[in-house]
Amino acid sequence: MKQAYIKLHIALVIAGFTGIFGKLITLNAGLISWYRLFISSIIMLLIFAFRGKFPAIAWRDKLKIGFTGTLLGIHWLLFYGSIKYSNISVGVVCFALSSFFNAILGPIINKRKLSFQELLLSGLTLCGIAFIFGMDASYRTGIILGVVSSMFSALYTLYSERIVKHYDGGAFVLYQMSGGCVGLTLLMPLLLWISPTTYIIPSASDFWWLLVLSAFCTVLLYFLINGALKQISSFTVSLTFNLEPLYTILLAVIIYKEGREFTAGFYTGLVLIISSLIFQMYRMKSPAQASD
């Protein structure tokens, strides 16, 4: 259990950089997400080629894993869209709503009773987002995209939690990334119609940022997350990732000076979101919750 939490918090630190890369890369949100999945798939294929043995998994299982990859790709697409339409800080704070959607959708998908404690903790996050939503109206589109993105993030963790325990971590990441790449490829004509672009091939600078994003903030990151999901619940993973905005906002303030745009409502919302995480950590100390 302790090892799972160590993996989770290392993943959290790495995840703090994903929003920064979304701002650095000049491609639109759909292309960033597609290239991230494509390059990550190539990296995983090279890893297995180096090992000299590819994982033997039935096609039905590959489709199940690939479905979670498509959910992940849609989450990234909306997440980067949120950043493009607002800023890094707003995009990552909206991501914290994934724990709220996890608390609502988890009982439906896993056919269990609603947890009052999970709903209460997630409600704090929801209130935090409501305060942030009161910011400049120009951020509204970005916030809406961020909220929908968090719903797909919750769906991704819920479905991954159900099946990840049955597969090798490397095989799971391989078919997740390749399945997500196929899923977004099928959606790409629609995405390019909604958000036209003058070029689809990344520049040299964008390519190197995409390579770093794929190798460290994707392959390594999801190895760690999937490893953690083998021992702890998807709700705990989602709620723990509410800390991601702290790391990303700090980087955004240092690199892009975004702190000058924040209002009292933003900081109030951020405090509520952090409070939900602190309460969850306290809750997890209870022996009755140790199995989460």
Protein backbone atom coordinates (compact mmCIF):
# COMPACT_ATOMS: atom_id res chain seq x y z
CA MET A 1 0.00 0.00 0.00
CA LYS A 2 2.79 2.43 0.91
CA GLN A 3 4.54 1.72 -2.40
CA ALA A 4 1.30 2.49 -4.27
CA TYR A 5 1.07 5.92 -2.62
CA ILE A 6 4.71 6.65 -3.45
CA LYS A 7 4.02 5.81 -7.12
CA LEU A 8 0.91 7.98 -7.04
CA HIS A 9 2.71 11.05 -5.69
CA ILE A 10 5.64 10.69 -8.10
CA ALA A 11 3.02 10.58 -10.88
CA LEU A 12 1.44 13.69 -9.39
CA VAL A 13 4.68 15.68 -9.62
CA ILE A 14 5.24 14.56 -13.23
CA ALA A 15 1.63 15.43 -14.12
CA GLY A 16 2.25 19.00 -12.98
CA PHE A 17 4.21 19.59 -16.17
CA THR A 18 1.52 18.44 -18.64
CA GLY A 19 -0.29 21.78 -18.65
CA ILE A 20 2.98 23.64 -19.25
CA PHE A 21 3.66 21.53 -22.34
CA GLY A 22 0.12 22.20 -23.56
CA LYS A 23 0.94 25.90 -23.59
CA LEU A 24 4.40 25.47 -25.10
CA ILE A 25 3.25 23.34 -28.04
CA THR A 26 1.66 25.45 -30.77
CA LEU A 27 -0.51 22.70 -32.32
CA ASN A 28 -4.23 22.69 -31.57
CA ALA A 29 -5.68 20.54 -28.76
CA GLY A 30 -6.70 17.64 -31.02
CA LEU A 31 -3.30 17.31 -32.65
CA ILE A 32 -1.43 17.59 -29.34
CA SER A 33 -3.52 14.73 -27.96
CA TRP A 34 -3.14 12.60 -31.08
CA TYR A 35 0.64 13.03 -31.31
CA ARG A 36 0.96 12.36 -27.58
CA LEU A 37 -0.83 9.04 -28.00
CA PHE A 38 0.99 8.16 -31.23
CA ILE A 39 4.49 8.87 -29.92
CA SER A 40 3.71 7.10 -26.63
CA SER A 41 2.58 4.03 -28.62
CA ILE A 42 5.83 4.05 -30.59
CA ILE A 43 7.86 4.30 -27.37
CA MET A 44 6.00 1.33 -25.89
CA LEU A 45 6.49 -0.71 -29.09
CA LEU A 46 10.23 0.03 -28.97
CA ILE A 47 10.37 -1.05 -25.31
CA PHE A 48 8.76 -4.41 -26.12
CA ALA A 49 10.89 -4.82 -29.24
CA PHE A 50 13.98 -4.31 -27.09
CA ARG A 51 12.69 -6.94 -24.68
CA GLY A 52 12.21 -9.28 -27.64
CA LYS A 53 8.73 -10.35 -26.58
CA PHE A 54 5.34 -8.75 -27.15
CA PRO A 55 2.49 -9.36 -24.69
CA ALA A 56 -0.03 -12.00 -25.76
CA ILE A 57 -3.52 -10.60 -25.08
CA ALA A 58 -6.82 -11.63 -26.65
CA TRP A 59 -8.39 -9.17 -29.10
CA ARG A 60 -11.40 -8.74 -26.85
CA ASP A 61 -9.11 -7.62 -24.02
CA LYS A 62 -7.17 -5.32 -26.36
CA LEU A 63 -10.45 -3.62 -27.25
CA LYS A 64 -11.33 -3.16 -23.57
CA ILE A 65 -7.96 -1.58 -22.84
CA GLY A 66 -8.13 0.47 -26.05
CA PHE A 67 -11.49 1.85 -24.96
CA THR A 68 -9.90 3.28 -21.80
CA GLY A 69 -7.22 4.82 -24.03
CA THR A 70 -9.89 6.54 -26.13
CA LEU A 71 -11.47 7.96 -22.95
CA LEU A 72 -8.03 9.19 -21.97
CA GLY A 73 -7.47 10.77 -25.39
CA ILE A 74 -10.80 12.64 -25.20
CA HIS A 75 -9.89 13.83 -21.70
CA TRP A 76 -6.57 15.21 -23.02
CA LEU A 77 -8.28 16.80 -26.02
CA LEU A 78 -10.70 18.72 -23.79
CA PHE A 79 -8.00 19.49 -21.20
CA TYR A 80 -5.70 21.10 -23.76
CA GLY A 81 -8.69 22.87 -25.28
CA SER A 82 -9.44 24.30 -21.85
CA ILE A 83 -5.88 25.63 -21.59
CA LYS A 84 -5.98 27.12 -25.09
CA TYR A 85 -9.29 28.91 -24.40
CA SER A 86 -8.35 30.15 -20.92
CA ASN A 87 -4.94 29.60 -19.34
CA ILE A 88 -2.91 26.83 -17.69
CA SER A 89 -4.11 27.54 -14.15
CA VAL A 90 -7.83 27.50 -14.99
CA GLY A 91 -7.44 24.31 -17.04
CA VAL A 92 -5.71 22.34 -14.28
CA VAL A 93 -8.02 23.58 -11.51
CA CYS A 94 -11.07 22.36 -13.46
CA PHE A 95 -9.37 18.96 -13.65
CA ALA A 96 -9.94 18.68 -9.89
CA LEU A 97 -13.64 18.04 -10.58
CA SER A 98 -12.74 14.49 -11.65
CA SER A 99 -13.21 13.37 -8.03
CA PHE A 100 -16.77 14.77 -8.09
CA PHE A 101 -17.63 12.85 -11.25
CA ASN A 102 -15.90 9.78 -9.81
CA ALA A 103 -18.11 9.94 -6.71
CA ILE A 104 -21.25 10.22 -8.89
CA LEU A 105 -20.38 7.82 -11.73
CA GLY A 106 -18.45 5.24 -9.67
CA PRO A 107 -21.51 3.81 -7.89
CA ILE A 108 -23.41 3.64 -11.20
CA ILE A 109 -20.63 1.86 -13.10
CA ASN A 110 -19.58 -0.43 -10.23
CA LYS A 111 -23.14 -0.96 -8.96
CA ARG A 112 -22.51 0.08 -5.38
CA LYS A 113 -24.12 2.54 -3.00
CA LEU A 114 -23.33 6.23 -3.14
CA SER A 115 -20.80 7.27 -0.51
CA PHE A 116 -22.00 10.29 1.47
CA GLN A 117 -18.41 11.10 2.47
CA GLU A 118 -17.18 11.00 -1.13
CA LEU A 119 -20.06 13.22 -2.24
CA LEU A 120 -19.37 15.68 0.58
CA LEU A 121 -15.66 15.90 -0.20
CA SER A 122 -16.35 16.23 -3.92
CA GLY A 123 -18.94 18.90 -3.13
CA LEU A 124 -16.15 21.06 -1.70
CA THR A 125 -14.35 20.75 -5.01
CA LEU A 126 -17.55 21.63 -6.87
CA CYS A 127 -17.95 24.78 -4.75
CA GLY A 128 -14.34 25.66 -5.51
CA ILE A 129 -14.97 25.42 -9.23
CA ALA A 130 -18.09 27.58 -8.80
CA PHE A 131 -15.99 30.36 -7.27
CA ILE A 132 -13.45 30.11 -10.06
CA PHE A 133 -16.25 30.17 -12.65
CA GLY A 134 -17.00 33.71 -11.47
CA MET A 135 -13.76 34.91 -13.09
CA ASP A 136 -13.52 36.95 -16.30
CA ALA A 137 -16.24 35.85 -18.75
CA SER A 138 -13.54 35.27 -21.39
CA TYR A 139 -12.53 32.14 -19.46
CA ARG A 140 -16.01 30.58 -19.52
CA THR A 141 -15.41 28.41 -22.61
CA GLY A 142 -12.15 27.15 -21.16
CA ILE A 143 -13.83 26.33 -17.84
CA ILE A 144 -16.67 24.42 -19.55
CA LEU A 145 -14.15 22.38 -21.57
CA GLY A 146 -12.18 21.74 -18.38
CA VAL A 147 -15.27 20.50 -16.52
CA VAL A 148 -16.21 18.07 -19.31
CA SER A 149 -12.56 16.99 -19.47
CA SER A 150 -12.67 16.08 -15.77
CA MET A 151 -15.72 13.88 -16.41
CA PHE A 152 -13.80 11.88 -19.02
CA SER A 153 -10.85 11.68 -16.62
CA ALA A 154 -13.15 10.11 -14.03
CA LEU A 155 -14.53 7.64 -16.59
CA TYR A 156 -10.97 6.72 -17.57
CA THR A 157 -9.89 5.97 -13.99
CA LEU A 158 -13.08 4.05 -13.20
CA TYR A 159 -12.86 1.76 -16.23
CA SER A 160 -9.09 1.35 -15.83
CA GLU A 161 -9.52 0.38 -12.18
CA ARG A 162 -11.88 -2.42 -13.21
CA ILE A 163 -9.48 -4.11 -15.62
CA VAL A 164 -5.89 -3.00 -14.88
CA LYS A 165 -5.41 -5.60 -12.12
CA HIS A 166 -5.62 -8.41 -14.69
CA TYR A 167 -2.78 -7.29 -16.97
CA ASP A 168 0.91 -6.56 -16.98
CA GLY A 169 1.51 -2.82 -16.54
CA GLY A 170 3.56 -2.45 -19.73
CA ALA A 171 1.03 -4.31 -21.84
CA PHE A 172 -1.77 -2.20 -20.42
CA VAL A 173 0.00 1.07 -21.31
CA LEU A 174 0.87 -0.22 -24.81
CA TYR A 175 -2.69 -1.12 -25.79
CA GLN A 176 -4.11 1.86 -23.95
CA MET A 177 -2.00 4.33 -25.90
CA SER A 178 -2.38 2.57 -29.26
CA GLY A 179 -6.14 2.13 -28.71
CA GLY A 180 -6.48 5.80 -27.80
CA CYS A 181 -4.51 6.75 -30.93
CA VAL A 182 -6.90 4.72 -33.12
CA GLY A 183 -9.91 6.26 -31.35
CA LEU A 184 -8.73 9.84 -31.88
CA THR A 185 -7.76 9.05 -35.49
CA LEU A 186 -11.39 8.13 -36.16
CA LEU A 187 -12.50 11.39 -34.52
CA MET A 188 -9.87 13.55 -36.23
CA PRO A 189 -11.97 14.63 -39.27
CA LEU A 190 -14.62 15.98 -36.89
CA LEU A 191 -11.99 17.63 -34.67
CA LEU A 192 -10.31 19.36 -37.62
CA TRP A 193 -13.72 20.54 -38.86
CA ILE A 194 -14.51 22.05 -35.44
CA SER A 195 -11.02 23.50 -34.97
CA PRO A 196 -9.36 24.04 -38.39
CA THR A 197 -5.59 24.43 -38.53
CA THR A 198 -3.17 25.55 -41.21
CA TYR A 199 -0.64 22.83 -40.47
CA ILE A 200 -0.74 19.37 -38.91
CA ILE A 201 2.98 18.51 -38.91
CA PRO A 202 4.75 19.74 -35.74
CA SER A 203 7.69 22.09 -35.98
CA ALA A 204 11.10 20.92 -34.74
CA SER A 205 10.50 22.68 -31.43
CA ASP A 206 7.00 21.21 -31.03
CA PHE A 207 8.31 17.73 -31.88
CA TRP A 208 10.88 17.76 -29.08
CA TRP A 209 8.32 19.02 -26.56
CA LEU A 210 5.92 16.30 -27.73
CA LEU A 211 8.67 13.69 -27.29
CA VAL A 212 9.33 14.79 -23.70
CA LEU A 213 5.58 14.98 -23.02
CA SER A 214 5.09 11.44 -24.35
CA ALA A 215 8.08 9.77 -22.71
CA PHE A 216 7.91 11.27 -19.23
CA CYS A 217 4.44 12.78 -18.80
CA THR A 218 2.67 9.88 -20.50
CA VAL A 219 4.48 6.52 -20.59
CA LEU A 220 6.20 6.92 -17.21
CA LEU A 221 3.21 8.73 -15.71
CA TYR A 222 0.66 6.06 -16.64
CA PHE A 223 2.96 3.22 -15.62
CA LEU A 224 2.88 4.78 -12.15
CA ILE A 225 -0.87 5.51 -12.14
CA ASN A 226 -1.81 2.03 -13.35
CA GLY A 227 0.52 0.52 -10.76
CA ALA A 228 -1.19 2.55 -8.03
CA LEU A 229 -4.67 1.53 -9.26
CA LYS A 230 -3.78 -2.10 -8.59
CA GLN A 231 -3.85 -1.36 -4.84
CA ILE A 232 -5.89 1.79 -4.20
CA SER A 233 -9.27 3.03 -5.41
CA SER A 234 -9.94 5.23 -8.42
CA PHE A 235 -11.66 7.77 -6.16
CA THR A 236 -8.50 8.16 -4.06
CA VAL A 237 -6.40 8.52 -7.22
CA SER A 238 -8.77 11.18 -8.60
CA LEU A 239 -8.90 13.11 -5.33
CA THR A 240 -5.14 12.94 -4.81
CA PHE A 241 -4.66 14.42 -8.27
CA ASN A 242 -6.50 17.49 -7.00
CA LEU A 243 -3.03 18.53 -5.85
CA GLU A 244 -1.87 18.73 -9.47
CA PRO A 245 -3.04 22.36 -9.82
CA LEU A 246 -0.63 23.42 -7.07
CA TYR A 247 2.39 22.15 -8.98
CA THR A 248 1.17 23.40 -12.34
CA ILE A 249 0.03 26.80 -11.10
CA LEU A 250 3.39 27.35 -9.42
CA LEU A 251 5.14 26.56 -12.72
CA ALA A 252 2.68 28.77 -14.66
CA VAL A 253 3.28 31.69 -12.30
CA ILE A 254 7.07 31.31 -12.65
CA ILE A 255 7.12 30.78 -16.43
CA TYR A 256 4.08 32.72 -17.70
CA LYS A 257 3.44 35.18 -14.79
CA GLU A 258 -0.19 34.01 -14.62
CA GLY A 259 -0.56 35.08 -10.97
CA ARG A 260 -1.35 38.62 -12.12
CA GLU A 261 -4.65 37.36 -13.59
CA PHE A 262 -5.99 35.68 -10.43
CA THR A 263 -8.89 37.12 -8.44
CA ALA A 264 -10.04 36.54 -4.86
CA GLY A 265 -12.61 34.07 -6.24
CA PHE A 266 -9.84 32.02 -7.82
CA TYR A 267 -7.93 31.75 -4.56
CA THR A 268 -11.11 30.97 -2.60
CA GLY A 269 -11.90 28.16 -5.01
CA LEU A 270 -8.36 26.82 -4.81
CA VAL A 271 -8.53 26.73 -0.98
CA LEU A 272 -11.79 24.73 -1.13
CA ILE A 273 -10.27 22.25 -3.58
CA ILE A 274 -7.18 21.75 -1.42
CA SER A 275 -9.40 21.34 1.65
CA SER A 276 -11.23 18.44 -0.01
CA LEU A 277 -7.90 16.67 -0.46
CA ILE A 278 -6.80 17.29 3.14
CA PHE A 279 -10.07 15.85 4.45
CA GLN A 280 -9.68 12.82 2.20
CA MET A 281 -6.16 12.21 3.52
CA TYR A 282 -7.53 12.36 7.06
CA ARG A 283 -10.33 10.00 6.07
CA MET A 284 -7.83 7.53 4.62
CA LYS A 285 -6.07 7.24 8.00
CA SER A 286 -9.16 5.51 9.37
CA PRO A 287 -8.73 1.69 9.51
CA ALA A 288 -12.19 1.30 7.97
CA GLN A 289 -10.98 3.13 4.87
CA ALA A 290 -7.58 1.46 4.56
CA SER A 291 -8.80 -0.75 1.74
CA ASP A 292 -9.38 2.29 -0.51
